[in-house]
Structure formats: structure tokens, C-alpha cells
Amino acid sequence: MDALRGRDVAAFERAAEVFSLLSASSRLRILAELCDAELCVGDLAAAVDLPQPTVSQQLALMFRAGLLARRKEGSQVYYSVEQKTRDFLCGAVHALVG
């Protein structure tokens, strides 16, 4: 209990938002693919068998939450798991779903 004292309540609220965001199975599938490789939206949509607009919407949510990084190369946008949370997120996904 002492370890929690002095921590900013806003940090816990942010953590709750991230966990809530990851409660959607489609986002977990996207995250699992991105743990293995940086992918563009079209390749990611094919990998998770979801429509490209759906994948784009989910990626935007995860990017705004700080979970993903993105880079543009020509007309393609590539996504990857943000380095600061990569070990934790990818470790959790792989531990839970293999």
C-alpha cells in the first residue's frame, strides 16, 4: 500500500484508459501483429482480417493513447508499438494469447 502513496491519481486514470482501450479483441489482434513487425495499414488489415477503415480507426485510437508509433513512407503509413511500452504490452499479449 505504501508504494501507491504519493502517486498521481491522474496516472491511475490514464492507466485505466489504456487498459480499457485494450479490452477490444480487435485492438489486441492488431497489437499482437505489431509486436512482431512494423506494418502498413493495408498489410495489417489483411493480417487481422478486418476492413481497412476499421483498422485505421483502431490504429488512430491506439496512436492517440501513446501505445503506437507511426512513420510515413511515400503514401504508406507504417505503425509499430511505441518503444517505451513495447516490452510490457507485447509481453502481456504473448503471455495471454500465445
PDB file of N, CA and C in Angstrom:
ATOM      1  N   MET A   1       0.818  -1.189   0.000  1.00  0.00           N
ATOM      2  CA  MET A   1       0.000   0.000   0.000  1.00  0.00           C
ATOM      3  C   MET A   1       0.864   1.256   0.000  1.00  0.00           C
ATOM      4  N   ASP A   2       1.978   1.238   0.734  1.00  0.00           N
ATOM      5  CA  ASP A   2       2.844   2.407   0.785  1.00  0.00           C
ATOM      6  C   ASP A   2       3.389   2.767  -0.590  1.00  0.00           C
ATOM      7  N   ALA A   3       3.583   1.770  -1.450  1.00  0.00           N
ATOM      8  CA  ALA A   3       4.118   2.028  -2.785  1.00  0.00           C
ATOM      9  C   ALA A   3       3.169   2.888  -3.610  1.00  0.00           C
ATOM     10  N   LEU A   4       1.902   2.869  -3.289  1.00  0.00           N
ATOM     11  CA  LEU A   4       0.913   3.638  -4.044  1.00  0.00           C
ATOM     12  C   LEU A   4       0.773   5.066  -3.550  1.00  0.00           C
ATOM     13  N   ARG A   5       1.208   5.315  -2.329  1.00  0.00           N
ATOM     14  CA  ARG A   5       1.096   6.664  -1.772  1.00  0.00           C
ATOM     15  C   ARG A   5       1.980   7.620  -2.556  1.00  0.00           C
ATOM     16  N   GLY A   6       1.459   8.792  -2.762  1.00  0.00           N
ATOM     17  CA  GLY A   6       2.236   9.805  -3.458  1.00  0.00           C
ATOM     18  C   GLY A   6       2.139   9.721  -4.973  1.00  0.00           C
ATOM     19  N   ARG A   7       1.507   8.686  -5.487  1.00  0.00           N
ATOM     20  CA  ARG A   7       1.352   8.593  -6.937  1.00  0.00           C
ATOM     21  C   ARG A   7       0.171   9.444  -7.364  1.00  0.00           C
ATOM     22  N   ASP A   8       0.321  10.042  -8.483  1.00  0.00           N
ATOM     23  CA  ASP A   8      -0.694  10.931  -9.032  1.00  0.00           C
ATOM     24  C   ASP A   8      -1.927  10.139  -9.447  1.00  0.00           C
ATOM     25  N   VAL A   9      -3.078  10.560  -8.970  1.00  0.00           N
ATOM     26  CA  VAL A   9      -4.340   9.906  -9.320  1.00  0.00           C
ATOM     27  C   VAL A   9      -4.531   9.912 -10.832  1.00  0.00           C
ATOM     28  N   ALA A  10      -4.093  10.965 -11.493  1.00  0.00           N
ATOM     29  CA  ALA A  10      -4.232  11.055 -12.949  1.00  0.00           C
ATOM     30  C   ALA A  10      -3.475   9.928 -13.645  1.00  0.00           C
ATOM     31  N   ALA A  11      -2.365   9.492 -13.068  1.00  0.00           N
ATOM     32  CA  ALA A  11      -1.614   8.383 -13.664  1.00  0.00           C
ATOM     33  C   ALA A  11      -2.434   7.102 -13.633  1.00  0.00           C
ATOM     34  N   PHE A  12      -3.177   6.890 -12.563  1.00  0.00           N
ATOM     35  CA  PHE A  12      -4.033   5.707 -12.483  1.00  0.00           C
ATOM     36  C   PHE A  12      -5.200   5.811 -13.461  1.00  0.00           C
ATOM     37  N   GLU A  13      -5.729   7.011 -13.611  1.00  0.00           N
ATOM     38  CA  GLU A  13      -6.817   7.210 -14.571  1.00  0.00           C
ATOM     39  C   GLU A  13      -6.332   6.950 -15.991  1.00  0.00           C
ATOM     40  N   ARG A  14      -5.135   7.406 -16.303  1.00  0.00           N
ATOM     41  CA  ARG A  14      -4.545   7.153 -17.627  1.00  0.00           C
ATOM     42  C   ARG A  14      -4.337   5.663 -17.839  1.00  0.00           C
ATOM     43  N   ALA A  15      -3.832   4.970 -16.832  1.00  0.00           N
ATOM     44  CA  ALA A  15      -3.637   3.519 -16.943  1.00  0.00           C
ATOM     45  C   ALA A  15      -4.968   2.814 -17.176  1.00  0.00           C
ATOM     46  N   ALA A  16      -6.005   3.257 -16.490  1.00  0.00           N
ATOM     47  CA  ALA A  16      -7.332   2.656 -16.673  1.00  0.00           C
ATOM     48  C   ALA A  16      -7.835   2.876 -18.097  1.00  0.00           C
ATOM     49  N   GLU A  17      -7.575   4.048 -18.660  1.00  0.00           N
ATOM     50  CA  GLU A  17      -7.972   4.326 -20.039  1.00  0.00           C
ATOM     51  C   GLU A  17      -7.252   3.397 -21.012  1.00  0.00           C
ATOM     52  N   VAL A  18      -5.964   3.174 -20.776  1.00  0.00           N
ATOM     53  CA  VAL A  18      -5.187   2.284 -21.649  1.00  0.00           C
ATOM     54  C   VAL A  18      -5.712   0.863 -21.556  1.00  0.00           C
ATOM     55  N   PHE A  19      -5.950   0.377 -20.343  1.00  0.00           N
ATOM     56  CA  PHE A  19      -6.470  -0.984 -20.194  1.00  0.00           C
ATOM     57  C   PHE A  19      -7.858  -1.109 -20.814  1.00  0.00           C
ATOM     58  N   SER A  20      -8.673  -0.075 -20.698  1.00  0.00           N
ATOM     59  CA  SER A  20      -9.991  -0.084 -21.324  1.00  0.00           C
ATOM     60  C   SER A  20      -9.860  -0.137 -22.845  1.00  0.00           C
ATOM     61  N   LEU A  21      -8.933   0.625 -23.374  1.00  0.00           N
ATOM     62  CA  LEU A  21      -8.684   0.632 -24.812  1.00  0.00           C
ATOM     63  C   LEU A  21      -8.299  -0.756 -25.306  1.00  0.00           C
ATOM     64  N   LEU A  22      -7.531  -1.466 -24.512  1.00  0.00           N
ATOM     65  CA  LEU A  22      -7.056  -2.796 -24.907  1.00  0.00           C
ATOM     66  C   LEU A  22      -8.065  -3.899 -24.625  1.00  0.00           C
ATOM     67  N   SER A  23      -9.247  -3.535 -24.150  1.00  0.00           N
ATOM     68  CA  SER A  23     -10.253  -4.557 -23.865  1.00  0.00           C
ATOM     69  C   SER A  23     -10.968  -5.032 -25.127  1.00  0.00           C
ATOM     70  N   ALA A  24     -10.756  -4.373 -26.245  1.00  0.00           N
ATOM     71  CA  ALA A  24     -11.370  -4.786 -27.513  1.00  0.00           C
ATOM     72  C   ALA A  24     -10.490  -5.835 -28.189  1.00  0.00           C
ATOM     73  N   SER A  25     -11.077  -6.962 -28.536  1.00  0.00           N
ATOM     74  CA  SER A  25     -10.288  -8.047 -29.141  1.00  0.00           C
ATOM     75  C   SER A  25      -9.662  -7.623 -30.466  1.00  0.00           C
ATOM     76  N   SER A  26     -10.333  -6.764 -31.221  1.00  0.00           N
ATOM     77  CA  SER A  26      -9.754  -6.318 -32.497  1.00  0.00           C
ATOM     78  C   SER A  26      -8.464  -5.535 -32.255  1.00  0.00           C
ATOM     79  N   ARG A  27      -8.435  -4.722 -31.218  1.00  0.00           N
ATOM     80  CA  ARG A  27      -7.222  -3.958 -30.913  1.00  0.00           C
ATOM     81  C   ARG A  27      -6.110  -4.870 -30.413  1.00  0.00           C
ATOM     82  N   LEU A  28      -6.471  -5.892 -29.660  1.00  0.00           N
ATOM     83  CA  LEU A  28      -5.453  -6.849 -29.204  1.00  0.00           C
ATOM     84  C   LEU A  28      -4.864  -7.617 -30.378  1.00  0.00           C
ATOM     85  N   ARG A  29      -5.694  -7.976 -31.352  1.00  0.00           N
ATOM     86  CA  ARG A  29      -5.191  -8.669 -32.543  1.00  0.00           C
ATOM     87  C   ARG A  29      -4.235  -7.766 -33.316  1.00  0.00           C
ATOM     88  N   ILE A  30      -4.602  -6.506 -33.460  1.00  0.00           N
ATOM     89  CA  ILE A  30      -3.733  -5.545 -34.141  1.00  0.00           C
ATOM     90  C   ILE A  30      -2.425  -5.397 -33.378  1.00  0.00           C
ATOM     91  N   LEU A  31      -2.515  -5.255 -32.076  1.00  0.00           N
ATOM     92  CA  LEU A  31      -1.322  -5.105 -31.250  1.00  0.00           C
ATOM     93  C   LEU A  31      -0.416  -6.325 -31.363  1.00  0.00           C
ATOM     94  N   ALA A  32      -0.995  -7.516 -31.357  1.00  0.00           N
ATOM     95  CA  ALA A  32      -0.200  -8.744 -31.478  1.00  0.00           C
ATOM     96  C   ALA A  32       0.584  -8.756 -32.786  1.00  0.00           C
ATOM     97  N   GLU A  33      -0.042  -8.342 -33.870  1.00  0.00           N
ATOM     98  CA  GLU A  33       0.662  -8.285 -35.162  1.00  0.00           C
ATOM     99  C   GLU A  33       1.786  -7.262 -35.123  1.00  0.00           C
ATOM    100  N   LEU A  34       1.525  -6.121 -34.508  1.00  0.00           N
ATOM    101  CA  LEU A  34       2.536  -5.069 -34.446  1.00  0.00           C
ATOM    102  C   LEU A  34       3.675  -5.405 -33.488  1.00  0.00           C
ATOM    103  N   CYS A  35       3.443  -6.320 -32.566  1.00  0.00           N
ATOM    104  CA  CYS A  35       4.531  -6.770 -31.696  1.00  0.00           C
ATOM    105  C   CYS A  35       5.562  -7.563 -32.495  1.00  0.00           C
ATOM    106  N   ASP A  36       5.110  -8.166 -33.583  1.00  0.00           N
ATOM    107  CA  ASP A  36       6.003  -8.984 -34.406  1.00  0.00           C
ATOM    108  C   ASP A  36       6.694  -8.193 -35.505  1.00  0.00           C
ATOM    109  N   ALA A  37       6.068  -7.113 -35.980  1.00  0.00           N
ATOM    110  CA  ALA A  37       6.659  -6.359 -37.089  1.00  0.00           C
ATOM    111  C   ALA A  37       5.977  -5.012 -37.255  1.00  0.00           C
ATOM    112  N   GLU A  38       6.720  -4.065 -37.803  1.00  0.00           N
ATOM    113  CA  GLU A  38       6.142  -2.797 -38.228  1.00  0.00           C
ATOM    114  C   GLU A  38       5.353  -3.076 -39.506  1.00  0.00           C
ATOM    115  N   LEU A  39       4.125  -2.575 -39.579  1.00  0.00           N
ATOM    116  CA  LEU A  39       3.276  -2.860 -40.736  1.00  0.00           C
ATOM    117  C   LEU A  39       2.538  -1.612 -41.196  1.00  0.00           C
ATOM    118  N   CYS A  40       2.244  -1.579 -42.496  1.00  0.00           N
ATOM    119  CA  CYS A  40       1.387  -0.516 -43.018  1.00  0.00           C
ATOM    120  C   CYS A  40      -0.065  -0.938 -42.825  1.00  0.00           C
ATOM    121  N   VAL A  41      -0.963   0.005 -42.955  1.00  0.00           N
ATOM    122  CA  VAL A  41      -2.374  -0.228 -42.658  1.00  0.00           C
ATOM    123  C   VAL A  41      -2.947  -1.360 -43.506  1.00  0.00           C
ATOM    124  N   GLY A  42      -2.665  -1.363 -44.800  1.00  0.00           N
ATOM    125  CA  GLY A  42      -3.209  -2.392 -45.682  1.00  0.00           C
ATOM    126  C   GLY A  42      -2.746  -3.787 -45.312  1.00  0.00           C
ATOM    127  N   ASP A  43      -1.453  -3.941 -45.035  1.00  0.00           N
ATOM    128  CA  ASP A  43      -0.923  -5.255 -44.643  1.00  0.00           C
ATOM    129  C   ASP A  43      -1.487  -5.688 -43.297  1.00  0.00           C
ATOM    130  N   LEU A  44      -1.647  -4.744 -42.408  1.00  0.00           N
ATOM    131  CA  LEU A  44      -2.200  -5.048 -41.090  1.00  0.00           C
ATOM    132  C   LEU A  44      -3.663  -5.471 -41.202  1.00  0.00           C
ATOM    133  N   ALA A  45      -4.424  -4.790 -42.045  1.00  0.00           N
ATOM    134  CA  ALA A  45      -5.834  -5.151 -42.253  1.00  0.00           C
ATOM    135  C   ALA A  45      -5.945  -6.578 -42.781  1.00  0.00           C
ATOM    136  N   ALA A  46      -5.077  -6.941 -43.712  1.00  0.00           N
ATOM    137  CA  ALA A  46      -5.089  -8.300 -44.256  1.00  0.00           C
ATOM    138  C   ALA A  46      -4.694  -9.315 -43.185  1.00  0.00           C
ATOM    139  N   ALA A  47      -3.726  -8.969 -42.356  1.00  0.00           N
ATOM    140  CA  ALA A  47      -3.241  -9.897 -41.329  1.00  0.00           C
ATOM    141  C   ALA A  47      -4.298 -10.195 -40.273  1.00  0.00           C
ATOM    142  N   VAL A  48      -5.104  -9.205 -39.929  1.00  0.00           N
ATOM    143  CA  VAL A  48      -6.120  -9.406 -38.883  1.00  0.00           C
ATOM    144  C   VAL A  48      -7.515  -9.638 -39.458  1.00  0.00           C
ATOM    145  N   ASP A  49      -7.605  -9.659 -40.784  1.00  0.00           N
ATOM    146  CA  ASP A  49      -8.866  -9.930 -41.486  1.00  0.00           C
ATOM    147  C   ASP A  49      -9.986  -8.979 -41.053  1.00  0.00           C
ATOM    148  N   LEU A  50      -9.657  -7.698 -41.073  1.00  0.00           N
ATOM    149  CA  LEU A  50     -10.635  -6.646 -40.780  1.00  0.00           C
ATOM    150  C   LEU A  50     -10.596  -5.622 -41.909  1.00  0.00           C
ATOM    151  N   PRO A  51     -11.695  -4.922 -42.148  1.00  0.00           N
ATOM    152  CA  PRO A  51     -11.693  -3.887 -43.188  1.00  0.00           C
ATOM    153  C   PRO A  51     -10.668  -2.790 -42.872  1.00  0.00           C
ATOM    154  N   GLN A  52     -10.046  -2.268 -43.913  1.00  0.00           N
ATOM    155  CA  GLN A  52      -9.019  -1.253 -43.723  1.00  0.00           C
ATOM    156  C   GLN A  52      -9.520  -0.028 -42.956  1.00  0.00           C
ATOM    157  N   PRO A  53     -10.737   0.481 -43.215  1.00  0.00           N
ATOM    158  CA  PRO A  53     -11.206   1.632 -42.423  1.00  0.00           C
ATOM    159  C   PRO A  53     -11.318   1.316 -40.927  1.00  0.00           C
ATOM    160  N   THR A  54     -11.719   0.093 -40.603  1.00  0.00           N
ATOM    161  CA  THR A  54     -11.809  -0.318 -39.193  1.00  0.00           C
ATOM    162  C   THR A  54     -10.435  -0.324 -38.555  1.00  0.00           C
ATOM    163  N   VAL A  55      -9.460  -0.896 -39.269  1.00  0.00           N
ATOM    164  CA  VAL A  55      -8.090  -0.952 -38.750  1.00  0.00           C
ATOM    165  C   VAL A  55      -7.535   0.462 -38.586  1.00  0.00           C
ATOM    166  N   SER A  56      -7.775   1.318 -39.558  1.00  0.00           N
ATOM    167  CA  SER A  56      -7.298   2.707 -39.460  1.00  0.00           C
ATOM    168  C   SER A  56      -7.870   3.404 -38.235  1.00  0.00           C
ATOM    169  N   GLN A  57      -9.145   3.184 -37.976  1.00  0.00           N
ATOM    170  CA  GLN A  57      -9.797   3.795 -36.813  1.00  0.00           C
ATOM    171  C   GLN A  57      -9.183   3.276 -35.508  1.00  0.00           C
ATOM    172  N   GLN A  58      -8.953   1.976 -35.428  1.00  0.00           N
ATOM    173  CA  GLN A  58      -8.373   1.387 -34.219  1.00  0.00           C
ATOM    174  C   GLN A  58      -6.934   1.861 -34.016  1.00  0.00           C
ATOM    175  N   LEU A  59      -6.179   1.953 -35.105  1.00  0.00           N
ATOM    176  CA  LEU A  59      -4.803   2.443 -35.023  1.00  0.00           C
ATOM    177  C   LEU A  59      -4.764   3.887 -34.530  1.00  0.00           C
ATOM    178  N   ALA A  60      -5.682   4.700 -35.006  1.00  0.00           N
ATOM    179  CA  ALA A  60      -5.727   6.102 -34.571  1.00  0.00           C
ATOM    180  C   ALA A  60      -5.973   6.204 -33.069  1.00  0.00           C
ATOM    181  N   LEU A  61      -6.877   5.380 -32.556  1.00  0.00           N
ATOM    182  CA  LEU A  61      -7.150   5.379 -31.112  1.00  0.00           C
ATOM    183  C   LEU A  61      -5.906   4.982 -30.317  1.00  0.00           C
ATOM    184  N   MET A  62      -5.230   3.928 -30.763  1.00  0.00           N
ATOM    185  CA  MET A  62      -4.045   3.456 -30.040  1.00  0.00           C
ATOM    186  C   MET A  62      -2.884   4.430 -30.172  1.00  0.00           C
ATOM    187  N   PHE A  63      -2.774   5.089 -31.327  1.00  0.00           N
ATOM    188  CA  PHE A  63      -1.728   6.091 -31.510  1.00  0.00           C
ATOM    189  C   PHE A  63      -1.957   7.276 -30.576  1.00  0.00           C
ATOM    190  N   ARG A  64      -3.198   7.772 -30.529  1.00  0.00           N
ATOM    191  CA  ARG A  64      -3.512   8.910 -29.650  1.00  0.00           C
ATOM    192  C   ARG A  64      -3.286   8.579 -28.178  1.00  0.00           C
ATOM    193  N   ALA A  65      -3.438   7.316 -27.824  1.00  0.00           N
ATOM    194  CA  ALA A  65      -3.219   6.896 -26.441  1.00  0.00           C
ATOM    195  C   ALA A  65      -1.732   6.719 -26.126  1.00  0.00           C
ATOM    196  N   GLY A  66      -0.885   6.861 -27.134  1.00  0.00           N
ATOM    197  CA  GLY A  66       0.556   6.740 -26.920  1.00  0.00           C
ATOM    198  C   GLY A  66       1.084   5.323 -26.962  1.00  0.00           C
ATOM    199  N   LEU A  67       0.265   4.385 -27.444  1.00  0.00           N
ATOM    200  CA  LEU A  67       0.698   2.987 -27.495  1.00  0.00           C
ATOM    201  C   LEU A  67       1.474   2.661 -28.761  1.00  0.00           C
ATOM    202  N   LEU A  68       1.241   3.430 -29.816  1.00  0.00           N
ATOM    203  CA  LEU A  68       1.858   3.143 -31.106  1.00  0.00           C
ATOM    204  C   LEU A  68       2.673   4.323 -31.606  1.00  0.00           C
ATOM    205  N   ALA A  69       3.656   3.995 -32.423  1.00  0.00           N
ATOM    206  CA  ALA A  69       4.421   4.994 -33.167  1.00  0.00           C
ATOM    207  C   ALA A  69       4.041   4.832 -34.632  1.00  0.00           C
ATOM    208  N   ARG A  70       4.204   5.889 -35.402  1.00  0.00           N
ATOM    209  CA  ARG A  70       3.933   5.765 -36.835  1.00  0.00           C
ATOM    210  C   ARG A  70       4.941   6.591 -37.614  1.00  0.00           C
ATOM    211  N   ARG A  71       5.145   6.153 -38.843  1.00  0.00           N
ATOM    212  CA  ARG A  71       6.024   6.891 -39.747  1.00  0.00           C
ATOM    213  C   ARG A  71       5.442   6.781 -41.146  1.00  0.00           C
ATOM    214  N   LYS A  72       5.679   7.802 -41.918  1.00  0.00           N
ATOM    215  CA  LYS A  72       5.152   7.841 -43.275  1.00  0.00           C
ATOM    216  C   LYS A  72       6.291   7.584 -44.249  1.00  0.00           C
ATOM    217  N   GLU A  73       6.015   6.744 -45.228  1.00  0.00           N
ATOM    218  CA  GLU A  73       6.973   6.454 -46.294  1.00  0.00           C
ATOM    219  C   GLU A  73       6.200   6.511 -47.610  1.00  0.00           C
ATOM    220  N   GLY A  74       6.381   7.590 -48.341  1.00  0.00           N
ATOM    221  CA  GLY A  74       5.583   7.793 -49.551  1.00  0.00           C
ATOM    222  C   GLY A  74       4.124   7.957 -49.165  1.00  0.00           C
ATOM    223  N   SER A  75       3.271   7.143 -49.772  1.00  0.00           N
ATOM    224  CA  SER A  75       1.840   7.223 -49.455  1.00  0.00           C
ATOM    225  C   SER A  75       1.434   6.256 -48.346  1.00  0.00           C
ATOM    226  N   GLN A  76       2.366   5.452 -47.879  1.00  0.00           N
ATOM    227  CA  GLN A  76       2.073   4.450 -46.846  1.00  0.00           C
ATOM    228  C   GLN A  76       2.381   4.994 -45.449  1.00  0.00           C
ATOM    229  N   VAL A  77       1.565   4.599 -44.495  1.00  0.00           N
ATOM    230  CA  VAL A  77       1.820   4.911 -43.087  1.00  0.00           C
ATOM    231  C   VAL A  77       2.096   3.592 -42.384  1.00  0.00           C
ATOM    232  N   TYR A  78       3.249   3.508 -41.733  1.00  0.00           N
ATOM    233  CA  TYR A  78       3.660   2.302 -41.024  1.00  0.00           C
ATOM    234  C   TYR A  78       3.506   2.509 -39.525  1.00  0.00           C
ATOM    235  N   TYR A  79       3.013   1.486 -38.855  1.00  0.00           N
ATOM    236  CA  TYR A  79       2.798   1.534 -37.410  1.00  0.00           C
ATOM    237  C   TYR A  79       3.669   0.502 -36.718  1.00  0.00           C
ATOM    238  N   SER A  80       4.068   0.836 -35.507  1.00  0.00           N
ATOM    239  CA  SER A  80       4.811  -0.089 -34.648  1.00  0.00           C
ATOM    240  C   SER A  80       4.423   0.213 -33.202  1.00  0.00           C
ATOM    241  N   VAL A  81       4.772  -0.698 -32.314  1.00  0.00           N
ATOM    242  CA  VAL A  81       4.481  -0.485 -30.896  1.00  0.00           C
ATOM    243  C   VAL A  81       5.486   0.525 -30.353  1.00  0.00           C
ATOM    244  N   GLU A  82       4.998   1.501 -29.624  1.00  0.00           N
ATOM    245  CA  GLU A  82       5.844   2.538 -29.030  1.00  0.00           C
ATOM    246  C   GLU A  82       6.911   1.876 -28.157  1.00  0.00           C
ATOM    247  N   GLN A  83       8.143   2.287 -28.335  1.00  0.00           N
ATOM    248  CA  GLN A  83       9.270   1.645 -27.654  1.00  0.00           C
ATOM    249  C   GLN A  83       9.138   1.651 -26.133  1.00  0.00           C
ATOM    250  N   LYS A  84       8.629   2.737 -25.558  1.00  0.00           N
ATOM    251  CA  LYS A  84       8.583   2.849 -24.096  1.00  0.00           C
ATOM    252  C   LYS A  84       7.647   1.836 -23.438  1.00  0.00           C
ATOM    253  N   THR A  85       6.676   1.315 -24.191  1.00  0.00           N
ATOM    254  CA  THR A  85       5.733   0.341 -23.626  1.00  0.00           C
ATOM    255  C   THR A  85       5.807  -1.016 -24.316  1.00  0.00           C
ATOM    256  N   ARG A  86       6.722  -1.166 -25.257  1.00  0.00           N
ATOM    257  CA  ARG A  86       6.809  -2.383 -26.074  1.00  0.00           C
ATOM    258  C   ARG A  86       6.972  -3.651 -25.238  1.00  0.00           C
ATOM    259  N   ASP A  87       7.947  -3.680 -24.356  1.00  0.00           N
ATOM    260  CA  ASP A  87       8.206  -4.898 -23.578  1.00  0.00           C
ATOM    261  C   ASP A  87       6.991  -5.300 -22.757  1.00  0.00           C
ATOM    262  N   PHE A  88       6.390  -4.329 -22.090  1.00  0.00           N
ATOM    263  CA  PHE A  88       5.232  -4.630 -21.247  1.00  0.00           C
ATOM    264  C   PHE A  88       4.047  -5.107 -22.080  1.00  0.00           C
ATOM    265  N   LEU A  89       3.664  -4.312 -23.098  1.00  0.00           N
ATOM    266  CA  LEU A  89       2.476  -4.645 -23.891  1.00  0.00           C
ATOM    267  C   LEU A  89       2.639  -5.947 -24.660  1.00  0.00           C
ATOM    268  N   CYS A  90       3.753  -6.087 -25.345  1.00  0.00           N
ATOM    269  CA  CYS A  90       3.955  -7.296 -26.154  1.00  0.00           C
ATOM    270  C   CYS A  90       4.129  -8.518 -25.261  1.00  0.00           C
ATOM    271  N   GLY A  91       4.793  -8.345 -24.132  1.00  0.00           N
ATOM    272  CA  GLY A  91       4.919  -9.457 -23.186  1.00  0.00           C
ATOM    273  C   GLY A  91       3.568  -9.906 -22.672  1.00  0.00           C
ATOM    274  N   ALA A  92       2.711  -8.948 -22.349  1.00  0.00           N
ATOM    275  CA  ALA A  92       1.372  -9.286 -21.853  1.00  0.00           C
ATOM    276  C   ALA A  92       0.543  -9.974 -22.928  1.00  0.00           C
ATOM    277  N   VAL A  93       0.567  -9.440 -24.140  1.00  0.00           N
ATOM    278  CA  VAL A  93      -0.212 -10.047 -25.231  1.00  0.00           C
ATOM    279  C   VAL A  93       0.258 -11.469 -25.491  1.00  0.00           C
ATOM    280  N   HIS A  94       1.561 -11.666 -25.601  1.00  0.00           N
ATOM    281  CA  HIS A  94       2.081 -13.008 -25.881  1.00  0.00           C
ATOM    282  C   HIS A  94       1.826 -13.971 -24.722  1.00  0.00           C
ATOM    283  N   ALA A  95       1.881 -13.481 -23.500  1.00  0.00           N
ATOM    284  CA  ALA A  95       1.607 -14.348 -22.346  1.00  0.00           C
ATOM    285  C   ALA A  95       0.143 -14.777 -22.304  1.00  0.00           C
ATOM    286  N   LEU A  96      -0.742 -13.893 -22.727  1.00  0.00           N
ATOM    287  CA  LEU A  96      -2.175 -14.185 -22.651  1.00  0.00           C
ATOM    288  C   LEU A  96      -2.711 -14.979 -23.835  1.00  0.00           C
ATOM    289  N   VAL A  97      -2.196 -14.715 -25.022  1.00  0.00           N
ATOM    290  CA  VAL A  97      -2.758 -15.372 -26.211  1.00  0.00           C
ATOM    291  C   VAL A  97      -1.757 -16.231 -26.971  1.00  0.00           C
ATOM    292  N   GLY A  98      -0.538 -16.251 -26.536  1.00  0.00           N
ATOM    293  CA  GLY A  98       0.467 -17.113 -27.169  1.00  0.00           C
ATOM    294  C   GLY A  98       1.205 -16.495 -28.294  1.00  0.00           C
TER     295      GLY A  98
END
